[in-house]
Protein backbone atom coordinates (compact mmCIF):
# COMPACT_ATOMS: atom_id res chain seq x y z
CA MET A 1 -9.49 -76.65 90.29
CA ALA A 2 -10.10 -78.37 93.51
CA GLU A 3 -8.21 -77.30 96.65
CA ARG A 4 -6.67 -80.77 97.01
CA ASP A 5 -4.74 -80.36 93.74
CA MET A 6 -2.91 -77.17 94.77
CA THR A 7 0.12 -79.08 96.05
CA ASP A 8 0.65 -80.56 92.61
CA LEU A 9 0.88 -77.12 90.88
CA LYS A 10 3.84 -74.86 90.59
CA PRO A 11 3.53 -71.43 92.14
CA ILE A 12 2.52 -68.32 90.29
CA ALA A 13 4.87 -65.47 91.05
CA ILE A 14 3.50 -61.92 90.73
CA PHE A 15 6.27 -59.28 90.47
CA THR A 16 5.19 -55.74 91.41
CA ILE A 17 6.71 -52.59 92.81
CA GLY A 18 5.18 -49.24 93.69
CA THR A 19 2.73 -47.62 96.23
CA GLN A 20 -0.28 -49.01 97.96
CA GLY A 21 -2.43 -48.48 94.81
CA ASP A 22 -0.09 -50.63 92.80
CA ILE A 23 0.31 -53.48 95.24
CA ARG A 24 -3.20 -53.97 96.64
CA PRO A 25 -4.77 -54.91 93.23
CA CYS A 26 -1.92 -57.46 92.73
CA VAL A 27 -2.66 -58.92 96.15
CA ALA A 28 -6.35 -59.10 95.19
CA LEU A 29 -5.48 -60.94 91.96
CA GLY A 30 -3.23 -63.24 93.98
CA ARG A 31 -6.07 -64.06 96.42
CA GLY A 32 -8.37 -64.78 93.49
CA LEU A 33 -5.85 -67.17 92.00
CA ARG A 34 -5.32 -68.77 95.49
CA ASN A 35 -9.06 -69.23 95.89
CA ALA A 36 -9.22 -70.80 92.48
CA GLY A 37 -6.66 -73.44 93.63
CA TYR A 38 -3.31 -72.01 92.51
CA PRO A 39 -0.40 -71.36 94.90
CA VAL A 40 0.67 -67.72 94.66
CA ARG A 41 3.60 -65.70 95.81
CA ILE A 42 3.87 -61.87 95.65
CA VAL A 43 7.28 -60.48 94.93
CA THR A 44 7.60 -56.89 96.08
CA SER A 45 9.15 -54.53 98.63
CA ASP A 46 9.39 -55.53 102.31
CA ASN A 47 7.07 -52.75 103.52
CA PHE A 48 4.18 -54.75 101.99
CA ALA A 49 5.13 -58.10 103.59
CA PRO A 50 2.44 -57.80 106.28
CA LEU A 51 -0.26 -57.07 103.70
CA VAL A 52 0.72 -60.12 101.64
CA ALA A 53 0.86 -62.34 104.67
CA GLU A 54 -2.55 -61.18 105.86
CA ALA A 55 -3.92 -62.19 102.49
CA GLY A 56 -2.69 -65.69 102.92
CA LEU A 57 -0.10 -65.42 100.12
CA GLU A 58 3.55 -66.22 100.13
CA PHE A 59 5.86 -63.15 100.22
CA ARG A 60 9.21 -62.84 98.52
CA PRO A 61 11.33 -59.61 98.90
CA LEU A 62 12.32 -57.33 96.01
CA THR A 63 14.41 -54.20 96.67
CA SER A 64 11.96 -51.48 95.59
CA ASN A 65 10.62 -49.64 98.55
CA PHE A 66 8.78 -46.53 97.12
CA GLN A 67 7.63 -45.58 100.61
CA ALA A 68 11.27 -45.19 101.88
CA LEU A 69 12.18 -43.32 98.63
CA LEU A 70 9.38 -40.79 98.99
CA GLU A 71 9.90 -40.34 102.71
CA ALA A 72 13.61 -39.73 102.21
CA ASP A 73 13.00 -37.07 99.51
CA ARG A 74 9.62 -35.45 99.69
CA SER A 75 10.61 -33.02 96.96
CA ILE A 76 9.92 -35.86 94.48
CA ALA A 77 6.30 -35.07 94.83
CA ASP A 78 6.94 -31.40 93.83
CA ARG A 79 8.46 -32.67 90.55
CA GLY A 80 5.74 -35.32 90.03
CA LEU A 81 4.15 -33.85 86.91
CA ASP A 82 7.53 -32.95 85.36
CA THR A 83 8.15 -35.94 83.04
CA ARG A 84 11.79 -35.21 82.43
CA ALA A 85 12.55 -34.77 86.12
CA MET A 86 10.75 -37.98 87.08
CA ALA A 87 12.56 -39.87 84.38
CA ARG A 88 15.88 -38.79 85.83
CA VAL A 89 14.85 -39.76 89.38
CA PHE A 90 13.56 -43.25 88.50
CA ARG A 91 16.35 -44.05 86.02
CA GLU A 92 18.83 -43.63 88.84
CA THR A 93 16.64 -45.28 91.48
CA PHE A 94 15.83 -48.40 89.44
CA ALA A 95 19.50 -48.85 88.59
CA ASP A 96 20.39 -48.81 92.27
CA TRP A 97 17.61 -51.24 93.17
CA ALA A 98 18.47 -53.54 90.23
CA GLU A 99 21.82 -54.46 91.84
CA HIS A 100 19.74 -56.87 93.98
CA TRP A 101 17.08 -57.88 91.56
CA VAL A 102 18.64 -60.84 89.88
CA ASP A 103 19.51 -62.74 93.06
CA GLN A 104 16.13 -61.94 94.55
CA GLY A 105 14.35 -62.70 91.34
CA ARG A 106 15.99 -66.07 90.94
CA THR A 107 14.96 -67.02 94.43
CA ALA A 108 11.42 -65.79 93.88
CA SER A 109 10.98 -67.54 90.54
CA GLU A 110 12.52 -70.88 91.63
CA ASP A 111 10.06 -73.78 90.95
CA ALA A 112 7.46 -71.31 89.63
CA GLY A 113 5.17 -72.26 86.74
CA LEU A 114 4.15 -68.76 85.64
CA LEU A 115 5.60 -65.26 86.10
CA ILE A 116 3.37 -62.21 86.10
CA GLY A 117 4.92 -58.83 85.61
CA VAL A 118 3.22 -55.64 86.79
CA GLY A 119 4.20 -52.03 86.14
CA ASN A 120 7.87 -51.22 86.58
CA ALA A 121 8.62 -54.89 87.51
CA THR A 122 7.43 -56.10 84.09
CA LEU A 123 10.81 -56.25 82.33
CA LEU A 124 12.43 -57.91 85.29
CA ALA A 125 9.80 -60.67 85.43
CA LYS A 126 9.90 -61.06 81.61
CA SER A 127 13.69 -61.45 81.64
CA LEU A 128 13.54 -64.01 84.47
CA ALA A 129 10.93 -65.94 82.50
CA GLU A 130 13.15 -65.88 79.43
CA ALA A 131 16.15 -67.13 81.33
CA ARG A 132 14.22 -69.90 83.03
CA GLY A 133 12.10 -70.83 80.06
CA LEU A 134 8.87 -70.14 81.92
CA PRO A 135 5.58 -68.70 80.65
CA PHE A 136 5.10 -64.99 81.18
CA VAL A 137 2.16 -62.54 81.11
CA GLY A 138 1.77 -58.88 81.87
CA ALA A 139 -0.89 -57.58 84.24
CA GLN A 140 -1.21 -53.86 84.20
CA LEU A 141 -3.37 -51.19 85.88
CA GLN A 142 -2.95 -48.48 83.20
CA PRO A 143 -3.54 -48.71 79.41
CA LEU A 144 -0.14 -49.23 77.78
CA THR A 145 -1.00 -51.09 74.57
CA PRO A 146 -0.60 -48.69 71.52
CA SER A 147 -3.89 -47.60 69.87
CA ARG A 148 -4.83 -45.30 67.06
CA ILE A 149 -8.09 -44.53 68.95
CA LEU A 150 -6.87 -43.97 72.51
CA ALA A 151 -4.15 -41.28 73.02
CA PRO A 152 -1.43 -42.30 75.53
CA MET A 153 -1.72 -41.27 79.21
CA VAL A 154 0.87 -38.48 78.78
CA LEU A 155 -1.63 -36.60 76.66
CA ALA A 156 -4.37 -36.82 79.21
CA GLY A 157 -4.75 -33.02 79.35
CA SER A 158 -5.37 -32.66 75.59
CA ARG A 159 -8.95 -31.55 74.82
CA ARG A 160 -8.70 -32.43 71.13
CA GLN A 161 -8.89 -35.86 69.54
CA LEU A 162 -5.62 -36.48 67.86
CA PRO A 163 -5.32 -38.05 64.38
CA PRO A 164 -4.55 -41.82 64.57
CA THR A 165 -1.02 -41.43 63.20
CA LEU A 166 -0.20 -38.87 65.91
CA ASN A 167 -1.55 -41.21 68.54
CA MET A 168 0.69 -44.00 67.38
CA GLY A 169 3.64 -41.66 67.15
CA ALA A 170 3.07 -40.53 70.69
CA TYR A 171 3.00 -44.14 71.88
CA HIS A 172 6.40 -44.79 70.17
CA LEU A 173 7.90 -41.72 71.84
CA LEU A 174 6.46 -42.83 75.24
CA ARG A 175 7.98 -46.32 74.79
CA LEU A 176 11.40 -44.77 74.05
CA LEU A 177 11.05 -42.68 77.27
CA VAL A 178 10.12 -45.73 79.33
CA TRP A 179 13.11 -47.60 77.87
CA HIS A 180 15.37 -44.62 78.68
CA VAL A 181 14.29 -44.95 82.31
CA MET A 182 14.57 -48.79 82.49
CA ARG A 183 17.63 -49.39 80.33
CA PRO A 184 20.35 -49.08 82.98
CA ALA A 185 18.56 -51.47 85.26
CA ILE A 186 17.59 -54.04 82.65
CA ASN A 187 20.28 -53.84 79.98
CA ASP A 188 23.27 -53.11 82.16
CA ILE A 189 22.47 -55.19 85.16
CA VAL A 190 19.59 -57.67 84.95
CA ARG A 191 20.05 -59.23 81.52
CA PRO A 192 23.83 -59.59 81.68
CA GLN A 193 23.59 -61.26 85.09
CA LEU A 194 20.98 -63.64 83.73
CA GLY A 195 23.17 -64.48 80.72
CA LEU A 196 20.72 -62.93 78.30
CA ARG A 197 21.47 -60.69 75.31
CA ARG A 198 20.84 -57.03 75.85
CA TYR A 199 17.79 -55.51 74.16
CA PRO A 200 18.55 -53.25 71.19
CA TRP A 201 18.95 -49.48 71.74
CA TYR A 202 15.21 -48.95 71.22
CA GLY A 203 14.24 -51.53 73.84
CA PRO A 204 11.97 -54.56 73.74
CA TYR A 205 8.75 -52.76 72.72
CA PHE A 206 8.97 -52.51 69.00
CA HIS A 207 8.08 -55.94 67.67
CA ALA A 208 4.96 -57.76 66.51
CA GLY A 209 2.38 -58.83 69.01
CA GLY A 210 2.04 -62.44 70.23
CA ASP A 211 2.46 -64.60 73.28
CA ASP A 212 5.25 -62.43 74.63
CA ASN A 213 2.97 -59.34 74.55
CA ARG A 214 -0.06 -60.84 76.30
CA VAL A 215 -1.43 -58.51 78.95
CA VAL A 216 -4.56 -58.47 81.12
CA TYR A 217 -5.71 -55.07 82.38
CA GLY A 218 -7.06 -54.46 85.82
CA PHE A 219 -9.44 -51.58 85.13
CA SER A 220 -13.10 -51.36 84.17
CA ARG A 221 -14.41 -51.03 80.66
CA HIS A 222 -17.12 -48.76 82.12
CA VAL A 223 -14.43 -46.24 83.12
CA LEU A 224 -12.19 -46.77 80.09
CA PRO A 225 -13.59 -48.83 77.21
CA ARG A 226 -11.26 -51.22 75.53
CA PRO A 227 -9.98 -49.68 72.27
CA ALA A 228 -11.38 -51.56 69.28
CA ASP A 229 -8.01 -51.72 67.62
CA TRP A 230 -6.24 -53.53 70.53
CA PRO A 231 -5.07 -57.03 69.58
CA GLU A 232 -6.59 -60.18 71.09
CA SER A 233 -3.46 -60.33 73.34
CA ALA A 234 -4.55 -57.30 75.29
CA GLN A 235 -7.74 -57.77 77.40
CA VAL A 236 -9.58 -55.62 79.89
CA ALA A 237 -10.77 -57.69 82.88
CA GLY A 238 -12.15 -55.16 85.32
CA TYR A 239 -10.88 -53.87 88.65
CA TRP A 240 -9.13 -56.08 91.21
CA PHE A 241 -10.20 -55.16 94.73
CA HIS A 242 -8.53 -56.28 97.88
CA GLU A 243 -11.22 -56.20 100.52
CA GLN A 244 -10.82 -56.21 104.30
CA PRO A 245 -14.32 -57.08 105.59
CA ASP A 246 -13.16 -57.67 109.18
CA TRP A 247 -11.77 -54.18 109.66
CA GLN A 248 -13.43 -52.12 112.31
CA PRO A 249 -13.18 -48.29 112.93
CA SER A 250 -12.30 -46.73 116.23
CA PRO A 251 -15.33 -45.78 118.39
CA ALA A 252 -14.45 -42.12 117.84
CA LEU A 253 -14.51 -42.43 114.03
CA ARG A 254 -17.83 -44.38 114.17
CA GLU A 255 -19.29 -41.66 116.45
CA PHE A 256 -18.18 -38.99 114.09
CA LEU A 257 -19.70 -40.65 111.10
CA GLU A 258 -23.02 -41.22 112.92
CA ALA A 259 -23.16 -37.58 114.21
CA GLY A 260 -24.19 -35.99 110.89
CA PRO A 261 -24.65 -36.27 107.15
CA LYS A 262 -22.15 -38.26 105.11
CA PRO A 263 -18.86 -36.37 105.02
CA PHE A 264 -16.33 -35.93 102.30
CA TYR A 265 -13.23 -38.15 102.19
CA ILE A 266 -9.97 -36.22 101.66
CA GLY A 267 -6.77 -38.26 101.33
CA PHE A 268 -3.85 -38.76 99.05
CA GLY A 269 -2.85 -42.31 99.88
CA SER A 270 0.78 -43.04 99.18
CA MET A 271 1.57 -39.48 98.04
CA VAL A 272 3.86 -37.21 100.10
CA SER A 273 4.37 -33.47 100.12
CA SER A 274 7.38 -31.41 100.99
CA GLU A 275 4.96 -28.66 102.22
CA ALA A 276 2.40 -30.87 103.83
CA SER A 277 1.51 -28.45 106.59
CA ALA A 278 0.71 -25.57 104.25
CA PHE A 279 -1.18 -27.92 101.94
CA THR A 280 -3.22 -29.26 104.84
CA ALA A 281 -4.11 -25.78 105.99
CA THR A 282 -5.41 -24.97 102.49
CA VAL A 283 -7.46 -28.12 102.49
CA LEU A 284 -8.95 -27.36 105.87
CA ASP A 285 -9.86 -23.81 104.73
CA GLY A 286 -11.62 -25.37 101.77
CA VAL A 287 -13.57 -27.73 103.94
CA ARG A 288 -14.63 -24.86 106.22
CA GLY A 289 -15.55 -22.78 103.19
CA SER A 290 -17.78 -25.61 101.91
CA GLY A 291 -19.64 -25.82 105.13
CA GLN A 292 -19.33 -29.60 104.88
CA ARG A 293 -17.87 -32.34 107.12
CA ALA A 294 -14.78 -34.35 106.17
CA VAL A 295 -12.73 -37.39 107.10
CA LEU A 296 -9.09 -36.58 106.22
CA ALA A 297 -6.52 -39.46 105.83
CA THR A 298 -2.88 -38.50 106.17
CA GLY A 299 -1.58 -41.70 104.48
CA TRP A 300 2.13 -41.67 103.75
CA GLY A 301 2.34 -37.87 104.31
CA GLY A 302 0.25 -36.06 101.72
CA LEU A 303 -1.55 -34.44 104.68
CA ASP A 304 0.01 -33.45 107.99
CA HIS A 305 -2.00 -33.87 111.21
CA ALA A 306 -2.31 -35.99 114.27
CA GLU A 307 -4.38 -39.15 113.81
CA GLY A 308 -7.59 -39.13 115.75
CA ARG A 309 -7.67 -35.32 116.03
CA HIS A 310 -11.12 -34.02 115.27
CA ASP A 311 -13.71 -31.40 115.85
CA GLU A 312 -17.37 -31.02 114.86
CA HIS A 313 -16.52 -30.85 111.09
CA THR A 314 -13.29 -32.75 110.62
CA PHE A 315 -11.79 -36.06 111.69
CA PHE A 316 -8.24 -37.18 110.94
CA ILE A 317 -7.16 -40.79 110.41
CA ARG A 318 -3.96 -42.30 109.00
CA GLN A 319 -5.83 -44.71 106.71
CA ALA A 320 -8.82 -47.02 106.44
CA PRO A 321 -9.85 -49.66 103.93
CA HIS A 322 -11.62 -47.92 101.10
CA ASP A 323 -14.04 -50.72 100.74
CA TRP A 324 -15.36 -49.95 104.24
CA LEU A 325 -14.96 -46.12 104.30
CA PHE A 326 -15.97 -44.93 100.85
CA PRO A 327 -19.58 -46.14 100.83
CA ARG A 328 -19.98 -44.00 103.97
CA MET A 329 -18.71 -40.87 102.23
CA SER A 330 -20.59 -38.41 99.96
CA ALA A 331 -17.58 -37.86 97.67
CA ALA A 332 -13.83 -38.47 97.65
CA VAL A 333 -11.05 -35.90 97.21
CA HIS A 334 -7.96 -37.86 96.17
CA HIS A 335 -4.87 -37.91 93.96
CA GLY A 336 -6.27 -40.01 91.21
CA GLY A 337 -4.15 -43.15 91.62
CA ALA A 338 -5.56 -46.21 89.88
CA GLY A 339 -6.49 -47.95 93.15
CA THR A 340 -8.17 -44.99 94.86
CA THR A 341 -9.97 -44.11 91.64
CA ALA A 342 -11.31 -47.64 91.35
CA ALA A 343 -12.50 -47.64 94.99
CA ALA A 344 -14.35 -44.35 94.59
CA VAL A 345 -15.96 -45.55 91.36
CA ARG A 346 -17.05 -48.80 92.95
CA ALA A 347 -18.51 -47.00 96.00
CA GLY A 348 -20.73 -44.99 93.64
CA ILE A 349 -19.49 -41.59 94.81
CA PRO A 350 -18.11 -38.62 92.86
CA SER A 351 -14.40 -37.73 92.94
CA VAL A 352 -12.45 -34.54 93.11
CA ILE A 353 -8.96 -35.34 91.85
CA VAL A 354 -5.85 -33.39 92.77
CA PRO A 355 -3.04 -35.18 90.81
CA PHE A 356 0.47 -35.60 92.12
CA TYR A 357 2.26 -37.48 89.28
CA GLY A 358 2.17 -40.38 86.77
CA ASP A 359 -1.23 -41.74 85.58
CA GLN A 360 -3.27 -39.54 87.91
CA PRO A 361 -4.16 -36.76 85.40
CA PHE A 362 -5.23 -39.52 83.01
CA TRP A 363 -7.72 -41.05 85.46
CA ALA A 364 -9.00 -37.55 86.34
CA ARG A 365 -9.78 -37.07 82.62
CA CYS A 366 -11.54 -40.43 82.52
CA LEU A 367 -13.73 -39.60 85.42
CA LEU A 368 -14.50 -36.16 84.09
CA ARG A 369 -15.54 -37.72 80.76
CA ALA A 370 -17.71 -40.20 82.67
CA GLY A 371 -19.54 -37.32 84.42
CA VAL A 372 -18.53 -38.37 87.92
CA ALA A 373 -15.84 -35.72 88.68
CA PRO A 374 -15.34 -31.98 88.03
CA PRO A 375 -12.10 -30.93 86.37
CA ALA A 376 -8.92 -31.83 88.23
CA LEU A 377 -7.39 -29.28 90.58
CA ASP A 378 -3.75 -28.07 90.38
CA ARG A 379 -2.13 -29.17 93.65
CA ARG A 380 0.76 -26.75 93.43
CA HIS A 381 -1.52 -23.73 93.22
CA LEU A 382 -4.52 -24.95 95.10
CA ARG A 383 -6.73 -22.33 96.67
CA ALA A 384 -9.28 -22.98 99.40
CA ASP A 385 -12.08 -21.43 97.43
CA GLU A 386 -11.32 -23.68 94.45
CA LEU A 387 -11.53 -26.77 96.67
CA ALA A 388 -14.77 -25.54 98.18
CA ALA A 389 -16.23 -24.97 94.74
CA ALA A 390 -15.17 -28.45 93.60
CA LEU A 391 -16.78 -30.01 96.68
CA ALA A 392 -20.02 -28.21 95.85
CA ALA A 393 -19.76 -29.37 92.24
CA THR A 394 -19.95 -33.03 93.27
CA THR A 395 -23.60 -32.83 94.40
CA PRO A 396 -25.17 -32.90 90.84
CA LEU A 397 -22.77 -35.68 89.88
CA GLN A 398 -24.03 -38.12 92.54
CA PRO A 399 -26.68 -39.86 90.33
CA ALA A 400 -24.15 -40.61 87.55
CA ALA A 401 -21.59 -41.77 90.12
CA ALA A 402 -24.20 -44.10 91.67
CA ALA A 403 -25.07 -45.54 88.28
CA LEU A 404 -21.40 -46.07 87.36
CA GLY A 405 -20.80 -47.69 90.71
CA ALA A 406 -23.60 -50.21 90.17
CA ARG A 407 -22.17 -51.20 86.78
CA VAL A 408 -18.62 -51.68 88.22
CA ARG A 409 -19.93 -53.64 91.22
CA ALA A 410 -21.67 -56.00 88.82
CA GLU A 411 -18.28 -56.91 87.21
CA ASP A 412 -16.00 -59.76 88.34
CA GLY A 413 -12.64 -58.35 87.41
CA ILE A 414 -10.62 -61.10 89.13
CA GLY A 415 -12.75 -63.92 87.70
CA SER A 416 -12.43 -62.38 84.22
CA ALA A 417 -8.63 -62.05 84.63
CA ILE A 418 -8.37 -65.71 85.60
CA ALA A 419 -10.58 -66.67 82.67
CA HIS A 420 -8.25 -64.92 80.24
CA LEU A 421 -5.21 -66.63 81.78
CA ARG A 422 -6.90 -69.94 81.45
CA ARG A 423 -7.92 -69.24 77.82
CA TRP A 424 -4.30 -68.43 77.08
CA GLY A 425 -3.24 -71.74 78.59
CA LEU A 426 -1.13 -70.17 81.30
CA LEU A 427 -2.57 -71.54 84.50
CA GLN A 428 -2.02 -75.24 84.19
CA PRO A 429 1.38 -76.93 83.75
CA ARG A 430 1.27 -78.47 80.37
CA VAL A 431 2.08 -81.87 81.63
CA MET A 432 -0.84 -81.86 84.01
CA ALA A 433 -3.46 -80.26 81.75
CA ALA A 434 -5.21 -83.44 80.72
CA ALA A 435 -5.28 -84.89 84.26
CA ALA A 436 -6.63 -81.57 85.61
CA GLU A 437 -9.38 -81.54 82.98
CA ARG A 438 -10.39 -85.10 83.93
CA LEU A 439 -10.56 -84.11 87.63
CA GLU A 440 -12.72 -81.13 86.84
CA ARG A 441 -15.13 -83.31 84.86
CA ILE A 442 -15.40 -85.81 87.69
CA ALA A 443 -16.00 -82.99 90.20
């Protein structure tokens, strides 16, 4: 649709909460929609307001600051792969945050024409859409649609293919667990304040597919093929990358990169560690044992070191855009978050994954299966010699990683997502559809 028609359209509100890897793809999708002529607002925590503004999108606040949560209690990372412990943490956290969600959500969804719910913000956006009578669609970064073919993410470590009935049973149990976490926030706070009926004890997930269950996935079919038994309402678009082409490195970083062969990247993004100093020492010992060079990114606190500190073999930064940095690396050691995994795949470099929590073991398994990563390393018991061996193991994986990167770079994940939304009739206000089509034909 032509740029001149944007003022006639109602905004699209994208609700999302989480870490950098959760928010950046949503900003990328928002930019794509904005470039296609649709006004977009991102509804998320205030620590991402600058990122949203720099992308030229409207920001609306939502109490949900994961960075503050993790910085206040770094022990959360130590319990990251304990499903029961994490369920307790987030059940309480979401209930606290939800005290503000309805007022903020009403403001953010005012005059909107479409609500998009992502990750843990999905049920909030869906309830707001129900209360306002607005169209709704999910946009997810991890596979959540039940399948007899694809086991759920929580079984990522299983080496055996489960029977179809067990796969479906596992999805049902996972849905009950998710609802256990979200129920106090959604059923006790959000839906009553919106004047909506509470969901039943088993939550909103156990009903037939249809318009309410439409979801577009922001990952590549080359990394995870779309299961053949998914319904038409669940589509895989490809990755959504938020690029920063104008970013420039410091002279010192540029000099380090030019002083020798491509280094390894080692960084854990938005992850934190209660023992960051000891973990960093192990990582540095592993780098020295490998005899290689490395750029290390401290991020939110997964590693502990002064930014800019460097020697002949290592250089510390806080962060750098992956679209700029990763093509200049030989491989990437990271936590396996959806966003970092996507960036390493697109850059055509192997990964060494050290999972912290959530979906990260799942993506580690996907990259192992694709032949672009060695087996994941156990962060809690990581030894320097194990890391050095994993770094060496990436060398024979480089041709496969380069080939996978070429296939992913050929995709247009954002364009595909927009095409699905258009095909579902979600992007044009119904009253303007005919007029918009006439304008497009004239153009």
